[in-house]
Amino acid sequence: MSIKTILITGGAGFIGSTVIRHALKHTHLRIINIDALTYAGNLASLELDPKNQNHTFIHANICQQDLIQKAFDTYQPDAIMHLAAESHVDRSISAPLEFLTTNVMGTGILLETSRDYWSNLPPDRKASFRFHHISTDEVFGSLPEKGLFHEESPYQPNSPYSASKAASDHLVRSWHKTYELPIIITNCSNNYGPYQFPEKLIPFTILNALRGNPIPIYGKGEQIRDWLYVEDHARALLDVLHNGIVGETYAIGGRSEKQNIVVAQDICNLLMELAPEKAPSSGHYADLITHVTDRPGHDTRYAINSDKIEETLHWKPQENFKSGLTKTVQWYLQNQQWWDNILSGKYRLARPQTE
């Protein structure tokens, strides 16, 4: 299979920018990057080398079908990696229709534009074309104390965000079954790492701690997540794109289950090692942890069985949670300008009002 040009949606976001940085550094792929540059999109995350001619940026929303069609016609991609999405649960509770628009309608528009384009390709290119849809484990709902999500887990989304992503997964699968569009779906666990927008738990905790702010933790903080270092995820996504089987789903996890309160405590302990001079006057960053009312519909536990991708594509995470978290905290300490630029705008390290 010959994939030379990839159209990536959401390429200025956290995971998308990581995929692009990895591809430009380690491959000769030509990347066409479509991003709406909403609040979480940031071209500064791409670290672009002006001498690298393999990246083209298009400022567009995936719901703008005319601009999406023009990108297909102009750049003739061999594959699509669809990462563009509204992705924050808190925001989905306060503004659910925005999630339906982007995650459901946007995916439908991209699928139909892809189908029209793919159906007119010459036979060899038609056979090698791929539509890779990147999704989340949250579509499967909440796990009990034992058990793991896998590729055949039933869909039981519990938030507007996860429901909108579940809908997009179903759309992608239906375009394959109905129209034979060559698709692949991946569902990943919670990502973390450099360049993550500060509304997410790990950067949210790091930056509140460094600024001496309270670190709010929902409820008792006993919710469990399976943490996946974003660069490991980027490698997995490119592996799936090139070597995955059409029509298949691959679950991608980090095999690193942690309670949210433990994650916050680990961050505080790391900061005491790496930046003791910025600790609060009380003496320890952990003193900033506060417990706040839990959000509605908060899932108890996520965890993924990654056996399929590990056994068939020979992918495994290179980082465990300790090594990945250390790299992440170090990055935020060393790149204050990146997050200062974000915090000087509208975002202020505050949780959206969900009630």
Protein backbone atom coordinates (compact mmCIF):
# COMPACT_ATOMS: atom_id res chain seq x y z
CA MET A 1 0.00 0.00 0.00
CA SER A 2 1.38 3.38 -1.00
CA ILE A 3 0.41 6.31 1.22
CA LYS A 4 2.31 9.47 0.40
CA THR A 5 -0.13 12.31 1.18
CA ILE A 6 -2.30 12.37 4.31
CA LEU A 7 -5.07 14.85 5.01
CA ILE A 8 -5.23 15.30 8.80
CA THR A 9 -8.17 17.09 10.41
CA GLY A 10 -7.55 18.74 13.77
CA GLY A 11 -3.82 18.89 13.12
CA ALA A 12 -3.29 21.92 15.36
CA GLY A 13 -4.82 20.15 18.34
CA PHE A 14 -3.04 18.12 21.00
CA ILE A 15 -3.01 14.65 19.42
CA GLY A 16 -3.08 15.90 15.84
CA SER A 17 -0.04 18.13 16.27
CA THR A 18 1.84 15.24 17.89
CA VAL A 19 1.05 13.00 14.92
CA ILE A 20 2.23 15.70 12.51
CA ARG A 21 5.46 16.40 14.41
CA HIS A 22 6.20 12.66 14.47
CA ALA A 23 5.40 12.19 10.77
CA LEU A 24 7.50 15.16 9.65
CA LYS A 25 10.43 14.04 11.79
CA HIS A 26 10.43 10.33 11.04
CA THR A 27 8.83 9.93 7.58
CA HIS A 28 8.65 11.56 4.16
CA LEU A 29 4.87 11.84 4.26
CA ARG A 30 3.23 14.97 2.88
CA ILE A 31 0.78 16.35 5.44
CA ILE A 32 -2.27 18.47 4.60
CA ASN A 33 -3.42 19.89 7.92
CA ILE A 34 -7.00 21.17 8.25
CA ASP A 35 -7.89 22.89 11.51
CA ALA A 36 -10.51 25.46 12.53
CA LEU A 37 -8.16 26.93 15.17
CA THR A 38 -10.82 27.02 17.85
CA TYR A 39 -9.71 27.71 21.43
CA ALA A 40 -7.69 24.46 21.70
CA GLY A 41 -6.03 24.65 18.27
CA ASN A 42 -2.55 26.13 18.31
CA LEU A 43 -0.14 26.34 15.38
CA ALA A 44 2.68 26.96 17.87
CA SER A 45 2.32 23.30 18.87
CA LEU A 46 3.58 22.13 15.49
CA GLU A 47 7.18 23.38 15.86
CA LEU A 48 7.33 23.74 12.08
CA ASP A 49 10.67 23.90 10.30
CA PRO A 50 10.31 26.57 7.59
CA LYS A 51 12.54 24.46 5.36
CA ASN A 52 10.19 21.48 5.52
CA GLN A 53 7.93 21.52 2.47
CA ASN A 54 5.91 18.49 3.55
CA HIS A 55 3.34 20.41 5.62
CA THR A 56 0.47 22.51 4.28
CA PHE A 57 -1.97 24.23 6.62
CA ILE A 58 -5.58 25.02 5.68
CA HIS A 59 -7.65 27.12 8.07
CA ALA A 60 -11.10 25.55 7.79
CA ASN A 61 -13.86 23.94 9.81
CA ILE A 62 -14.77 20.38 8.82
CA CYS A 63 -18.39 21.53 8.54
CA GLN A 64 -17.39 23.84 5.66
CA GLN A 65 -17.97 21.32 2.90
CA ASP A 66 -16.85 23.63 0.09
CA LEU A 67 -13.44 24.13 1.71
CA ILE A 68 -13.09 20.42 2.50
CA GLN A 69 -13.95 19.54 -1.10
CA LYS A 70 -11.41 22.05 -2.38
CA ALA A 71 -8.70 20.48 -0.19
CA PHE A 72 -9.43 17.03 -1.64
CA ASP A 73 -9.43 18.34 -5.21
CA THR A 74 -6.23 20.34 -4.76
CA TYR A 75 -4.05 17.93 -2.79
CA GLN A 76 -5.39 14.49 -3.81
CA PRO A 77 -4.75 12.71 -0.48
CA ASP A 78 -4.05 8.98 -0.24
CA ALA A 79 -5.52 8.78 3.26
CA ILE A 80 -7.53 10.71 5.83
CA MET A 81 -6.75 10.84 9.54
CA HIS A 82 -9.79 12.36 11.21
CA LEU A 83 -8.87 13.86 14.59
CA ALA A 84 -10.90 17.08 14.56
CA ALA A 85 -13.36 17.04 17.47
CA GLU A 86 -14.74 18.92 20.40
CA SER A 87 -13.36 16.79 23.20
CA HIS A 88 -13.81 18.19 26.71
CA VAL A 89 -16.56 16.58 28.79
CA ASP A 90 -17.14 19.66 30.98
CA ARG A 91 -17.70 21.83 27.91
CA SER A 92 -20.06 19.25 26.42
CA ILE A 93 -22.25 19.47 29.51
CA SER A 94 -22.55 23.24 29.25
CA ALA A 95 -22.70 23.50 25.42
CA PRO A 96 -23.81 20.14 23.97
CA LEU A 97 -24.97 21.39 20.56
CA GLU A 98 -21.44 22.50 19.65
CA PHE A 99 -20.35 18.88 20.10
CA LEU A 100 -23.14 17.57 17.92
CA THR A 101 -22.26 20.04 15.17
CA THR A 102 -18.55 19.24 15.01
CA ASN A 103 -18.41 15.61 16.05
CA VAL A 104 -21.51 14.35 14.26
CA MET A 105 -22.28 16.67 11.35
CA GLY A 106 -18.61 17.43 10.73
CA THR A 107 -17.79 13.72 10.54
CA GLY A 108 -20.71 13.11 8.21
CA ILE A 109 -19.56 15.87 5.86
CA LEU A 110 -16.01 14.52 5.86
CA LEU A 111 -17.24 10.98 5.19
CA GLU A 112 -19.44 11.99 2.29
CA THR A 113 -16.73 14.18 0.75
CA SER A 114 -14.27 11.28 1.14
CA ARG A 115 -16.69 8.82 -0.44
CA ASP A 116 -17.25 11.00 -3.48
CA TYR A 117 -13.50 11.54 -3.87
CA TRP A 118 -12.60 7.87 -3.29
CA SER A 119 -15.22 6.55 -5.74
CA ASN A 120 -13.57 8.51 -8.57
CA LEU A 121 -9.99 7.42 -7.91
CA PRO A 122 -8.20 5.11 -10.36
CA PRO A 123 -8.30 1.44 -9.26
CA ASP A 124 -4.83 1.28 -7.69
CA ARG A 125 -5.29 4.43 -5.61
CA LYS A 126 -8.85 3.45 -4.74
CA ALA A 127 -7.59 0.15 -3.34
CA SER A 128 -4.96 1.80 -1.12
CA PHE A 129 -7.10 4.71 0.16
CA ARG A 130 -7.85 4.77 3.91
CA PHE A 131 -10.22 6.78 6.13
CA HIS A 132 -8.82 6.52 9.67
CA HIS A 133 -11.22 7.74 12.34
CA ILE A 134 -9.66 8.48 15.73
CA SER A 135 -12.05 8.08 18.67
CA THR A 136 -12.08 7.53 22.43
CA ASP A 137 -12.73 4.80 24.99
CA GLU A 138 -15.36 7.05 26.56
CA VAL A 139 -17.89 5.80 23.98
CA PHE A 140 -18.01 2.52 25.95
CA GLY A 141 -19.24 4.18 29.13
CA SER A 142 -18.01 3.33 32.61
CA LEU A 143 -16.31 0.13 33.77
CA PRO A 144 -16.90 -1.62 37.10
CA GLU A 145 -13.96 -2.39 39.39
CA LYS A 146 -12.79 -5.21 37.12
CA GLY A 147 -12.74 -5.72 33.36
CA LEU A 148 -11.30 -3.87 30.37
CA PHE A 149 -12.67 -2.18 27.26
CA HIS A 150 -11.88 -3.95 24.00
CA GLU A 151 -12.85 -3.75 20.34
CA GLU A 152 -16.17 -5.54 20.89
CA SER A 153 -17.29 -3.62 23.98
CA PRO A 154 -20.88 -2.32 23.77
CA TYR A 155 -21.39 1.40 23.34
CA GLN A 156 -22.83 3.07 26.46
CA PRO A 157 -21.84 6.77 26.36
CA ASN A 158 -22.74 8.85 29.40
CA SER A 159 -21.92 12.45 28.43
CA PRO A 160 -22.82 14.63 25.43
CA TYR A 161 -19.15 14.42 24.39
CA SER A 162 -18.93 10.64 24.48
CA ALA A 163 -22.37 10.31 22.85
CA SER A 164 -21.30 12.56 19.99
CA LYS A 165 -18.12 10.52 19.50
CA ALA A 166 -20.13 7.29 19.63
CA ALA A 167 -22.38 8.69 16.92
CA SER A 168 -19.36 9.54 14.78
CA ASP A 169 -17.99 6.01 15.22
CA HIS A 170 -21.31 4.58 14.04
CA LEU A 171 -21.36 6.90 11.03
CA VAL A 172 -17.88 5.82 10.00
CA ARG A 173 -18.74 2.15 10.35
CA SER A 174 -21.97 2.60 8.37
CA TRP A 175 -20.16 4.30 5.47
CA HIS A 176 -17.98 1.19 5.29
CA LYS A 177 -20.88 -1.27 5.44
CA THR A 178 -23.15 0.68 3.09
CA TYR A 179 -20.71 2.25 0.64
CA GLU A 180 -17.59 0.07 1.19
CA LEU A 181 -15.51 3.12 2.05
CA PRO A 182 -12.22 1.68 3.38
CA ILE A 183 -12.22 2.78 7.01
CA ILE A 184 -10.31 1.99 10.19
CA ILE A 185 -11.40 3.09 13.68
CA THR A 186 -9.22 3.49 16.77
CA ASN A 187 -10.44 4.07 20.31
CA CYS A 188 -7.83 5.37 22.74
CA SER A 189 -7.55 5.91 26.48
CA ASN A 190 -6.76 9.26 28.14
CA ASN A 191 -3.82 10.98 26.45
CA TYR A 192 -1.31 13.22 28.19
CA GLY A 193 1.99 14.86 27.32
CA PRO A 194 3.52 18.07 25.92
CA TYR A 195 1.31 20.70 24.24
CA GLN A 196 -1.94 19.57 25.88
CA PHE A 197 -4.47 22.37 26.35
CA PRO A 198 -4.58 23.34 30.05
CA GLU A 199 -8.24 22.41 30.59
CA LYS A 200 -7.29 18.70 30.78
CA LEU A 201 -6.48 17.15 34.17
CA ILE A 202 -2.69 16.81 33.97
CA PRO A 203 -1.75 20.24 32.54
CA PHE A 204 -4.59 21.79 34.56
CA THR A 205 -3.00 20.43 37.73
CA ILE A 206 0.56 21.37 36.73
CA LEU A 207 -0.26 24.96 35.87
CA ASN A 208 -2.55 25.60 38.82
CA ALA A 209 0.19 24.28 41.10
CA LEU A 210 2.87 26.46 39.52
CA ARG A 211 0.65 29.53 39.84
CA GLY A 212 -0.20 28.78 43.47
CA ASN A 213 -3.90 28.29 42.67
CA PRO A 214 -6.18 25.71 44.27
CA ILE A 215 -6.13 22.39 42.39
CA PRO A 216 -9.80 21.33 42.18
CA ILE A 217 -10.48 17.59 42.10
CA TYR A 218 -13.98 16.31 41.35
CA GLY A 219 -15.55 14.44 44.27
CA LYS A 220 -13.08 12.23 46.11
CA GLY A 221 -10.92 11.91 43.01
CA GLU A 222 -11.43 8.16 42.91
CA GLN A 223 -12.26 8.05 39.19
CA ILE A 224 -9.79 5.78 37.37
CA ARG A 225 -8.33 6.47 33.94
CA ASP A 226 -5.91 4.51 31.76
CA TRP A 227 -3.17 6.99 30.82
CA LEU A 228 -1.49 6.92 27.39
CA TYR A 229 1.53 9.10 26.58
CA VAL A 230 0.62 11.06 23.47
CA GLU A 231 3.77 10.24 21.51
CA ASP A 232 3.08 6.52 22.01
CA HIS A 233 -0.41 7.16 20.66
CA ALA A 234 0.95 9.00 17.62
CA ARG A 235 3.15 6.01 16.75
CA ALA A 236 0.17 3.69 17.13
CA LEU A 237 -2.02 5.80 14.86
CA LEU A 238 0.52 5.84 12.04
CA ASP A 239 1.07 2.08 12.47
CA VAL A 240 -2.67 1.48 12.16
CA LEU A 241 -2.97 3.74 9.13
CA HIS A 242 -0.24 1.89 7.23
CA ASN A 243 -0.75 -1.65 8.48
CA GLY A 244 -4.24 -1.94 9.94
CA ILE A 245 -6.97 -4.02 8.28
CA VAL A 246 -9.82 -2.21 6.55
CA GLY A 247 -13.06 -2.34 8.53
CA GLU A 248 -11.31 -3.19 11.79
CA THR A 249 -11.27 -1.34 15.11
CA TYR A 250 -8.15 -1.11 17.29
CA ALA A 251 -8.23 -0.22 20.99
CA ILE A 252 -5.14 1.70 22.13
CA GLY A 253 -4.30 2.05 25.81
CA GLY A 254 -1.33 2.79 28.02
CA ARG A 255 -1.88 0.01 30.60
CA SER A 256 -1.47 2.70 33.27
CA GLU A 257 -4.58 2.90 35.46
CA LYS A 258 -4.53 5.69 38.05
CA GLN A 259 -7.10 7.42 40.23
CA ASN A 260 -7.40 11.14 39.49
CA ILE A 261 -6.38 12.02 43.05
CA VAL A 262 -3.24 9.88 42.69
CA VAL A 263 -2.39 11.62 39.41
CA ALA A 264 -2.68 15.01 41.13
CA GLN A 265 -0.53 13.85 44.04
CA ASP A 266 2.10 12.40 41.69
CA ILE A 267 2.29 15.72 39.87
CA CYS A 268 2.69 17.62 43.12
CA ASN A 269 5.47 15.29 44.25
CA LEU A 270 7.28 15.67 40.92
CA LEU A 271 7.03 19.44 41.16
CA MET A 272 8.58 19.32 44.62
CA GLU A 273 11.56 17.55 43.02
CA LEU A 274 11.80 19.63 39.84
CA ALA A 275 10.64 23.09 40.98
CA PRO A 276 10.81 23.28 44.79
CA GLU A 277 11.47 27.02 44.62
CA LYS A 278 7.94 27.60 43.28
CA ALA A 279 6.17 25.62 45.99
CA PRO A 280 3.43 27.44 47.93
CA SER A 281 4.18 29.07 51.26
CA SER A 282 2.56 26.11 53.04
CA GLY A 283 5.51 24.01 51.89
CA HIS A 284 4.09 21.44 49.46
CA TYR A 285 2.17 21.66 46.18
CA ALA A 286 -0.19 18.94 47.43
CA ASP A 287 -1.56 21.43 49.97
CA LEU A 288 -3.27 23.15 47.02
CA ILE A 289 -5.49 20.13 46.27
CA THR A 290 -9.15 20.82 47.02
CA HIS A 291 -12.22 18.65 46.49
CA VAL A 292 -15.19 20.12 44.62
CA THR A 293 -18.66 18.85 43.74
CA ASP A 294 -18.49 16.08 41.17
CA ARG A 295 -19.68 16.77 37.65
CA PRO A 296 -22.90 15.17 36.33
CA GLY A 297 -22.60 11.72 34.77
CA HIS A 298 -18.94 11.32 35.75
CA ASP A 299 -17.71 7.88 34.61
CA THR A 300 -16.04 5.83 37.33
CA ARG A 301 -13.38 3.91 35.43
CA TYR A 302 -11.85 3.52 31.97
CA ALA A 303 -9.24 0.92 31.03
CA ILE A 304 -8.28 -0.65 27.71
CA ASN A 305 -7.16 -4.10 26.63
CA SER A 306 -4.58 -3.38 23.90
CA ASP A 307 -3.84 -7.01 23.05
CA LYS A 308 -5.09 -6.74 19.46
CA ILE A 309 -2.83 -3.89 18.35
CA GLU A 310 0.08 -5.24 20.38
CA GLU A 311 -0.18 -8.72 18.87
CA THR A 312 -1.11 -7.90 15.26
CA LEU A 313 0.83 -4.68 14.66
CA HIS A 314 3.55 -5.20 17.30
CA TRP A 315 2.97 -1.80 18.88
CA LYS A 316 3.55 -1.22 22.57
CA PRO A 317 3.80 1.98 24.63
CA GLN A 318 7.39 3.00 25.23
CA GLU A 319 6.56 5.13 28.27
CA ASN A 320 5.13 3.97 31.58
CA PHE A 321 3.15 6.48 33.62
CA LYS A 322 6.10 7.56 35.75
CA SER A 323 8.43 8.22 32.82
CA GLY A 324 5.73 9.88 30.73
CA LEU A 325 4.54 12.09 33.56
CA THR A 326 8.11 13.17 34.34
CA LYS A 327 8.65 14.16 30.70
CA THR A 328 5.35 16.03 30.72
CA VAL A 329 6.02 18.02 33.88
CA GLN A 330 9.52 18.86 32.65
CA TRP A 331 8.10 20.10 29.35
CA TYR A 332 5.62 22.46 31.02
CA LEU A 333 8.38 23.78 33.27
CA GLN A 334 10.60 24.44 30.26
CA ASN A 335 7.95 25.91 27.95
CA GLN A 336 6.24 28.61 29.97
CA GLN A 337 5.94 30.89 26.94
CA TRP A 338 3.67 28.36 25.21
CA TRP A 339 1.18 28.16 28.08
CA ASP A 340 1.56 31.83 29.07
CA ASN A 341 0.25 32.73 25.61
CA ILE A 342 -2.81 30.57 26.23
CA LEU A 343 -3.47 31.89 29.73
CA SER A 344 -3.19 35.48 28.53
CA GLY A 345 -6.26 34.92 26.36
CA LYS A 346 -9.80 33.97 27.33
CA TYR A 347 -8.90 30.76 29.11
CA ARG A 348 -8.18 31.20 32.83
CA LEU A 349 -7.62 27.71 34.32
CA ALA A 350 -11.25 27.54 35.44
CA ARG A 351 -13.73 24.71 35.14
CA PRO A 352 -16.79 25.53 32.97
CA GLN A 353 -20.05 25.89 34.83
CA THR A 354 -21.94 22.62 34.30
CA GLU A 355 -25.06 23.25 36.33
